[in-house]
N, C-alpha and C. Protein backbone atom coordinates (compact mmCIF):
# COMPACT_ATOMS: atom_id res chain seq x y z
N UNK A 1 14.89 -6.12 -11.07
CA UNK A 1 14.15 -6.35 -10.34
C UNK A 1 12.85 -6.86 -11.07
N UNK A 2 11.79 -7.82 -10.53
CA UNK A 2 10.71 -8.72 -11.20
C UNK A 2 9.47 -7.84 -10.43
N UNK A 3 9.02 -7.58 -11.49
CA UNK A 3 7.44 -6.66 -10.60
C UNK A 3 6.48 -8.18 -11.07
N UNK A 4 5.30 -7.88 -9.94
CA UNK A 4 4.09 -9.37 -10.83
C UNK A 4 3.10 -7.60 -11.05
N UNK A 5 1.72 -7.34 -11.29
CA UNK A 5 0.79 -6.71 -10.71
C UNK A 5 -0.14 -7.71 -12.14
N UNK A 6 -1.17 -7.70 -10.57
CA UNK A 6 -2.98 -8.04 -11.41
C UNK A 6 -3.32 -7.23 -11.07
N UNK A 7 -4.32 -7.88 -12.81
CA UNK A 7 -5.62 -7.15 -12.21
C UNK A 7 -6.92 -7.74 -12.48
N UNK A 8 -8.67 -7.67 -12.34
CA UNK A 8 -9.69 -8.26 -12.83
C UNK A 8 -9.69 -8.56 -11.80
N UNK A 9 -10.10 -8.30 -10.46
CA UNK A 9 -10.61 -8.79 -9.25
C UNK A 9 -11.70 -8.03 -9.53
N UNK A 10 -12.94 -8.28 -8.19
CA UNK A 10 -13.85 -7.44 -8.64
C UNK A 10 -14.92 -8.57 -7.48
N UNK A 11 -16.43 -7.46 -8.03
CA UNK A 11 -17.49 -8.53 -7.81
C UNK A 11 -18.03 -9.12 -8.11
N UNK A 12 -18.48 -10.43 -8.56
CA UNK A 12 -19.25 -11.21 -8.82
C UNK A 12 -20.19 -11.44 -8.45
N UNK A 13 -21.60 -12.43 -8.88
CA UNK A 13 -21.88 -13.01 -8.41
C UNK A 13 -23.08 -14.61 -8.87
N UNK A 14 -23.11 -15.01 -7.91
CA UNK A 14 -22.37 -16.61 -7.62
C UNK A 14 -23.05 -17.26 -9.02
N UNK A 15 -22.14 -17.57 -9.38
CA UNK A 15 -22.14 -18.69 -10.98
C UNK A 15 -21.42 -17.58 -11.79
N UNK A 16 -21.11 -16.70 -12.46
CA UNK A 16 -19.95 -15.64 -12.79
C UNK A 16 -19.07 -15.43 -13.31
N UNK A 17 -18.26 -15.27 -13.83
CA UNK A 17 -17.52 -15.15 -14.09
C UNK A 17 -16.69 -14.31 -14.01
N UNK A 18 -15.07 -14.33 -13.72
CA UNK A 18 -14.01 -13.13 -14.02
C UNK A 18 -11.97 -13.71 -14.92
N UNK A 19 -11.88 -12.62 -15.16
CA UNK A 19 -10.81 -13.08 -15.60
C UNK A 19 -9.78 -12.01 -15.17
N UNK A 20 -8.97 -12.77 -14.32
CA UNK A 20 -7.46 -12.08 -14.07
C UNK A 20 -6.24 -11.82 -15.03
N UNK A 21 -5.98 -10.81 -14.97
CA UNK A 21 -4.73 -10.98 -15.50
C UNK A 21 -3.41 -10.82 -14.05
N UNK A 22 -1.99 -11.21 -14.93
CA UNK A 22 -0.85 -11.16 -14.27
C UNK A 22 -0.14 -10.26 -15.29
N UNK A 23 0.73 -9.06 -15.02
CA UNK A 23 2.20 -9.15 -15.98
C UNK A 23 2.49 -8.96 -14.80
N UNK A 24 4.02 -9.40 -16.20
CA UNK A 24 5.05 -9.36 -15.66
C UNK A 24 6.26 -8.65 -16.07
N UNK A 25 6.80 -8.03 -14.92
CA UNK A 25 8.66 -6.07 -15.96
C UNK A 25 9.21 -7.38 -15.32
N UNK A 26 10.48 -6.62 -16.09
CA UNK A 26 11.47 -7.28 -15.03
C UNK A 26 12.90 -7.74 -16.10
N UNK A 27 13.59 -8.20 -15.54
CA UNK A 27 14.14 -9.89 -16.15
C UNK A 27 14.43 -11.27 -15.97
N UNK A 28 13.98 -12.04 -15.90
CA UNK A 28 13.83 -12.69 -16.16
C UNK A 28 13.89 -13.92 -17.23
N UNK A 29 14.12 -15.62 -16.56
CA UNK A 29 14.73 -16.22 -17.70
C UNK A 29 13.30 -16.92 -18.12
N UNK A 30 13.93 -17.23 -19.45
CA UNK A 30 12.01 -17.75 -19.71
C UNK A 30 11.68 -19.46 -18.94
N UNK A 31 12.99 -19.67 -19.21
CA UNK A 31 12.68 -21.29 -18.36
C UNK A 31 11.88 -21.22 -16.82
N UNK A 32 10.11 -20.84 -16.23
CA UNK A 32 9.83 -20.32 -15.15
C UNK A 32 9.02 -21.16 -15.44
N UNK A 33 7.81 -20.33 -14.14
CA UNK A 33 6.96 -21.75 -13.72
C UNK A 33 6.57 -20.06 -12.99
N UNK A 34 4.56 -19.68 -13.77
CA UNK A 34 4.23 -19.06 -13.01
C UNK A 34 2.47 -19.24 -12.72
N UNK A 35 2.39 -18.96 -11.65
CA UNK A 35 0.66 -19.55 -11.04
C UNK A 35 -0.11 -18.60 -10.43
N UNK A 36 -1.04 -19.28 -10.44
CA UNK A 36 -2.22 -18.10 -9.37
C UNK A 36 -2.56 -18.80 -7.72
N UNK A 37 -2.03 -18.09 -6.70
CA UNK A 37 -2.31 -18.89 -5.33
C UNK A 37 -3.54 -17.39 -4.49
N UNK A 38 -4.24 -18.13 -4.32
CA UNK A 38 -4.92 -17.46 -3.45
C UNK A 38 -5.36 -17.88 -1.53
N UNK A 39 -6.36 -16.09 -0.88
CA UNK A 39 -6.50 -16.76 0.32
C UNK A 39 -7.32 -15.73 0.81
N UNK A 40 -7.48 -16.60 1.55
CA UNK A 40 -9.25 -16.49 2.13
C UNK A 40 -8.68 -15.33 3.36
N UNK A 41 -9.86 -14.86 4.02
CA UNK A 41 -10.25 -14.87 5.25
C UNK A 41 -9.71 -16.13 5.92
N UNK A 42 -8.94 -15.43 6.74
CA UNK A 42 -8.97 -16.39 8.49
C UNK A 42 -8.27 -17.90 7.81
N UNK A 43 -8.04 -17.54 6.62
CA UNK A 43 -7.42 -19.35 5.53
C UNK A 43 -5.07 -19.10 5.72
N UNK A 44 -5.07 -19.49 5.29
CA UNK A 44 -3.56 -19.80 4.24
C UNK A 44 -3.79 -20.15 2.81
N UNK A 45 -2.50 -19.09 2.76
CA UNK A 45 -2.66 -19.32 0.58
C UNK A 45 -2.74 -20.19 0.07
N UNK A 46 -3.10 -20.78 -0.50
CA UNK A 46 -3.73 -22.32 -1.65
C UNK A 46 -3.30 -21.84 -2.76
N UNK A 47 -2.68 -22.99 -3.17
CA UNK A 47 -2.08 -23.44 -4.98
C UNK A 47 -4.00 -23.51 -5.37
N UNK A 48 -4.53 -22.14 -6.58
CA UNK A 48 -5.08 -22.25 -7.37
C UNK A 48 -4.52 -23.04 -8.78
N UNK A 49 -3.31 -22.79 -9.25
CA UNK A 49 -3.12 -23.22 -10.85
C UNK A 49 -2.03 -23.02 -11.30
N UNK A 50 -0.47 -23.58 -12.31
CA UNK A 50 -0.21 -22.85 -12.14
C UNK A 50 0.40 -23.69 -14.38
N UNK A 51 0.72 -22.46 -14.49
CA UNK A 51 1.32 -22.79 -16.30
C UNK A 51 3.67 -22.44 -16.54
N UNK A 52 3.52 -23.56 -17.15
CA UNK A 52 4.92 -23.66 -17.16
C UNK A 52 5.14 -24.04 -18.19
N UNK A 53 6.04 -23.56 -19.65
CA UNK A 53 5.51 -24.18 -21.24
C UNK A 53 5.03 -24.64 -21.83
N UNK A 54 3.45 -24.02 -20.93
CA UNK A 54 2.68 -24.83 -22.19
C UNK A 54 1.59 -26.12 -21.22
N UNK A 55 2.82 -26.37 -19.70
CA UNK A 55 1.56 -27.12 -18.77
C UNK A 55 0.96 -26.56 -17.70
N UNK A 56 -0.31 -27.44 -17.64
CA UNK A 56 -0.58 -26.99 -16.53
C UNK A 56 -1.65 -27.37 -15.67
N UNK A 57 -1.39 -26.93 -14.60
CA UNK A 57 -2.11 -28.20 -13.27
C UNK A 57 -2.31 -27.01 -12.26
N UNK A 58 -4.13 -27.70 -11.42
CA UNK A 58 -4.93 -27.11 -11.02
C UNK A 58 -4.92 -27.75 -9.82
N UNK A 59 -4.92 -27.09 -8.32
CA UNK A 59 -5.58 -27.17 -7.35
C UNK A 59 -6.81 -27.83 -7.92
N UNK A 60 -7.66 -29.61 -6.92
CA UNK A 60 -9.50 -29.54 -7.43
C UNK A 60 -9.83 -28.21 -7.12
N UNK A 61 -10.58 -27.48 -6.50
CA UNK A 61 -11.71 -26.59 -6.34
C UNK A 61 -11.58 -26.14 -7.65
N UNK A 62 -10.38 -25.54 -8.43
CA UNK A 62 -10.63 -25.38 -9.67
C UNK A 62 -10.60 -26.28 -10.71
N UNK A 63 -10.54 -27.12 -10.22
CA UNK A 63 -11.06 -27.87 -12.13
C UNK A 63 -12.15 -28.34 -12.59
N UNK A 64 -12.42 -27.75 -14.11
CA UNK A 64 -13.86 -27.45 -14.48
C UNK A 64 -14.03 -26.34 -14.71
N UNK A 65 -13.49 -25.30 -13.69
CA UNK A 65 -14.11 -23.84 -14.04
C UNK A 65 -12.97 -22.94 -14.14
N UNK A 66 -12.03 -23.58 -13.72
CA UNK A 66 -10.56 -22.39 -14.43
C UNK A 66 -9.46 -22.88 -14.81
N UNK A 67 -8.91 -21.61 -16.26
CA UNK A 67 -8.12 -22.48 -17.14
C UNK A 67 -7.37 -21.04 -17.01
N UNK A 68 -6.33 -21.55 -16.66
CA UNK A 68 -5.32 -20.49 -16.50
C UNK A 68 -4.03 -20.58 -17.57
N UNK A 69 -3.71 -19.62 -18.83
CA UNK A 69 -3.26 -19.58 -19.54
C UNK A 69 -2.38 -18.51 -19.68
N UNK A 70 -1.03 -18.00 -20.70
CA UNK A 70 -0.56 -17.60 -21.75
C UNK A 70 -0.90 -16.35 -22.04
N UNK A 71 -0.34 -15.25 -22.46
CA UNK A 71 0.05 -14.43 -22.84
C UNK A 71 0.79 -15.28 -24.32
N UNK A 72 0.70 -14.66 -25.86
CA UNK A 72 1.46 -14.04 -26.20
C UNK A 72 3.18 -14.24 -26.21
N UNK A 73 3.48 -13.13 -25.32
CA UNK A 73 4.25 -12.37 -24.83
C UNK A 73 5.67 -13.40 -23.41
N UNK A 74 4.07 -14.47 -23.69
CA UNK A 74 5.12 -15.04 -22.32
C UNK A 74 5.85 -15.02 -20.59
N UNK A 75 4.78 -13.21 -20.58
CA UNK A 75 4.92 -12.18 -19.25
C UNK A 75 3.60 -11.95 -18.86
N UNK A 76 2.99 -12.63 -19.41
CA UNK A 76 1.77 -11.92 -18.77
C UNK A 76 0.93 -13.38 -18.27
N UNK A 77 -0.07 -13.63 -17.12
CA UNK A 77 -0.48 -14.76 -17.12
C UNK A 77 -2.18 -15.18 -16.80
N UNK A 78 -3.26 -15.12 -17.35
CA UNK A 78 -4.37 -15.40 -16.85
C UNK A 78 -4.68 -15.94 -16.25
N UNK A 79 -6.26 -16.11 -15.36
CA UNK A 79 -7.06 -17.18 -15.28
C UNK A 79 -8.39 -16.32 -16.06
N UNK A 80 -9.27 -17.41 -15.84
CA UNK A 80 -10.36 -17.74 -16.70
C UNK A 80 -11.01 -18.32 -15.45
N UNK A 81 -11.87 -17.73 -14.21
CA UNK A 81 -13.07 -18.37 -13.96
C UNK A 81 -14.34 -18.13 -13.78
N UNK A 82 -14.47 -19.62 -13.92
CA UNK A 82 -16.55 -19.95 -14.76
C UNK A 82 -17.02 -20.27 -13.49
N UNK A 83 -18.05 -20.10 -13.42
CA UNK A 83 -18.49 -20.85 -12.45
C UNK A 83 -18.70 -20.61 -10.64
N UNK A 84 -17.96 -19.07 -10.49
CA UNK A 84 -17.68 -18.61 -8.88
C UNK A 84 -18.56 -19.14 -8.08
N UNK A 85 -17.64 -19.65 -6.73
CA UNK A 85 -18.83 -19.86 -6.12
C UNK A 85 -17.99 -18.99 -5.26
N UNK A 86 -19.11 -19.23 -4.00
CA UNK A 86 -19.14 -18.35 -3.20
C UNK A 86 -17.80 -18.66 -2.11
N UNK A 87 -17.33 -19.67 -1.81
CA UNK A 87 -15.91 -19.89 -1.67
C UNK A 87 -14.75 -19.89 -1.57
N UNK A 88 -15.06 -19.12 -3.17
CA UNK A 88 -13.97 -19.04 -4.04
C UNK A 88 -13.43 -17.57 -3.86
N UNK A 89 -14.37 -16.72 -3.06
CA UNK A 89 -13.74 -15.65 -2.61
C UNK A 89 -12.37 -15.16 -1.79
N UNK A 90 -12.06 -14.08 -1.97
CA UNK A 90 -10.04 -14.02 -1.69
C UNK A 90 -9.54 -14.22 -1.92
N UNK A 91 -7.82 -12.98 -2.18
CA UNK A 91 -7.75 -12.56 -2.49
C UNK A 91 -6.47 -13.84 -3.17
N UNK A 92 -7.41 -12.94 -4.76
CA UNK A 92 -6.62 -13.45 -5.69
C UNK A 92 -4.38 -13.35 -5.42
N UNK A 93 -3.51 -14.15 -5.41
CA UNK A 93 -1.79 -13.46 -6.35
C UNK A 93 -1.10 -14.28 -7.23
N UNK A 94 -0.87 -13.64 -7.63
CA UNK A 94 0.69 -14.46 -8.98
C UNK A 94 1.37 -14.38 -8.43
N UNK A 95 2.04 -15.55 -8.32
CA UNK A 95 3.31 -15.62 -8.41
C UNK A 95 5.09 -16.46 -10.08
N UNK A 96 5.54 -16.41 -9.75
CA UNK A 96 6.53 -16.81 -10.69
C UNK A 96 8.27 -17.43 -9.90
N UNK A 97 8.09 -18.44 -10.34
CA UNK A 97 9.11 -18.89 -9.75
C UNK A 97 10.63 -18.93 -11.57
N UNK A 98 11.67 -18.94 -10.27
CA UNK A 98 12.39 -19.38 -11.82
C UNK A 98 13.64 -20.35 -10.36
N UNK A 99 13.73 -21.59 -11.66
CA UNK A 99 13.85 -22.67 -10.62
C UNK A 99 15.85 -22.11 -10.68
N UNK A 100 16.86 -21.46 -12.09
CA UNK A 100 17.54 -21.15 -12.48
C UNK A 100 18.25 -20.17 -11.41
N UNK A 101 17.11 -19.14 -10.96
CA UNK A 101 17.55 -18.87 -9.69
C UNK A 101 18.16 -19.11 -7.61
N UNK A 102 16.38 -19.87 -8.01
CA UNK A 102 16.14 -20.34 -6.68
C UNK A 102 14.68 -19.46 -6.01
N UNK A 103 14.74 -18.28 -7.15
CA UNK A 103 13.13 -17.73 -6.74
C UNK A 103 12.32 -17.40 -6.94
N UNK A 104 11.12 -16.94 -6.54
CA UNK A 104 10.49 -16.47 -6.75
C UNK A 104 9.41 -15.01 -6.05
N UNK A 105 8.37 -14.49 -7.03
CA UNK A 105 8.42 -13.45 -6.78
C UNK A 105 7.02 -13.20 -6.45
N UNK A 106 6.59 -12.64 -6.03
CA UNK A 106 4.89 -12.09 -5.49
C UNK A 106 3.98 -10.97 -6.12
N UNK A 107 3.03 -11.08 -6.73
CA UNK A 107 2.41 -9.74 -6.68
C UNK A 107 1.77 -9.16 -5.35
N UNK A 108 1.27 -8.32 -5.91
CA UNK A 108 -0.21 -7.68 -4.47
C UNK A 108 -0.50 -8.50 -4.40
N UNK A 109 -1.40 -8.45 -5.29
CA UNK A 109 -2.60 -9.49 -4.85
C UNK A 109 -3.98 -9.07 -5.70
N UNK A 110 -5.35 -9.04 -6.01
CA UNK A 110 -6.45 -9.14 -6.12
C UNK A 110 -7.51 -9.20 -5.94
N UNK A 111 -8.03 -8.90 -5.22
CA UNK A 111 -9.73 -9.34 -3.99
C UNK A 111 -10.81 -9.75 -5.29
N UNK A 112 -10.85 -11.07 -5.53
CA UNK A 112 -12.50 -11.18 -5.92
C UNK A 112 -13.38 -11.86 -4.78
N UNK A 113 -14.54 -10.93 -4.67
CA UNK A 113 -15.24 -11.13 -3.81
C UNK A 113 -16.68 -11.82 -5.42
N UNK A 114 -17.39 -13.35 -4.32
CA UNK A 114 -18.14 -14.47 -4.51
C UNK A 114 -19.69 -14.24 -3.32
N UNK A 115 -20.71 -13.05 -4.55
CA UNK A 115 -21.40 -13.26 -3.28
C UNK A 115 -22.51 -12.16 -4.35
N UNK A 116 -24.12 -12.96 -3.59
CA UNK A 116 -25.11 -12.17 -3.69
C UNK A 116 -25.57 -10.79 -3.99
């Protein structure tokens, strides 16, 4: 069974930075896509960034401010967020998609609040 555990959320002032981490455990193929999604109150969950085999993609909302990366063990995903804005306030979820299983997994989320 695959488990994803996020950490690193919290309260930060506008313009500040946070680094989110996601640790994946369990059995899964090395060929996978890991990503960050977020869901603000009253809104649908949306993509933030993905990483797969060194290839990274970002939603427009985070381009130039957010950086997604993997740890050396490839089972940890990070999201470095700089220049945070109040509209970045949301619960951030880690996602793992395994194409060979057509399966995806979600973490329970970590809350990021950007407020003065």
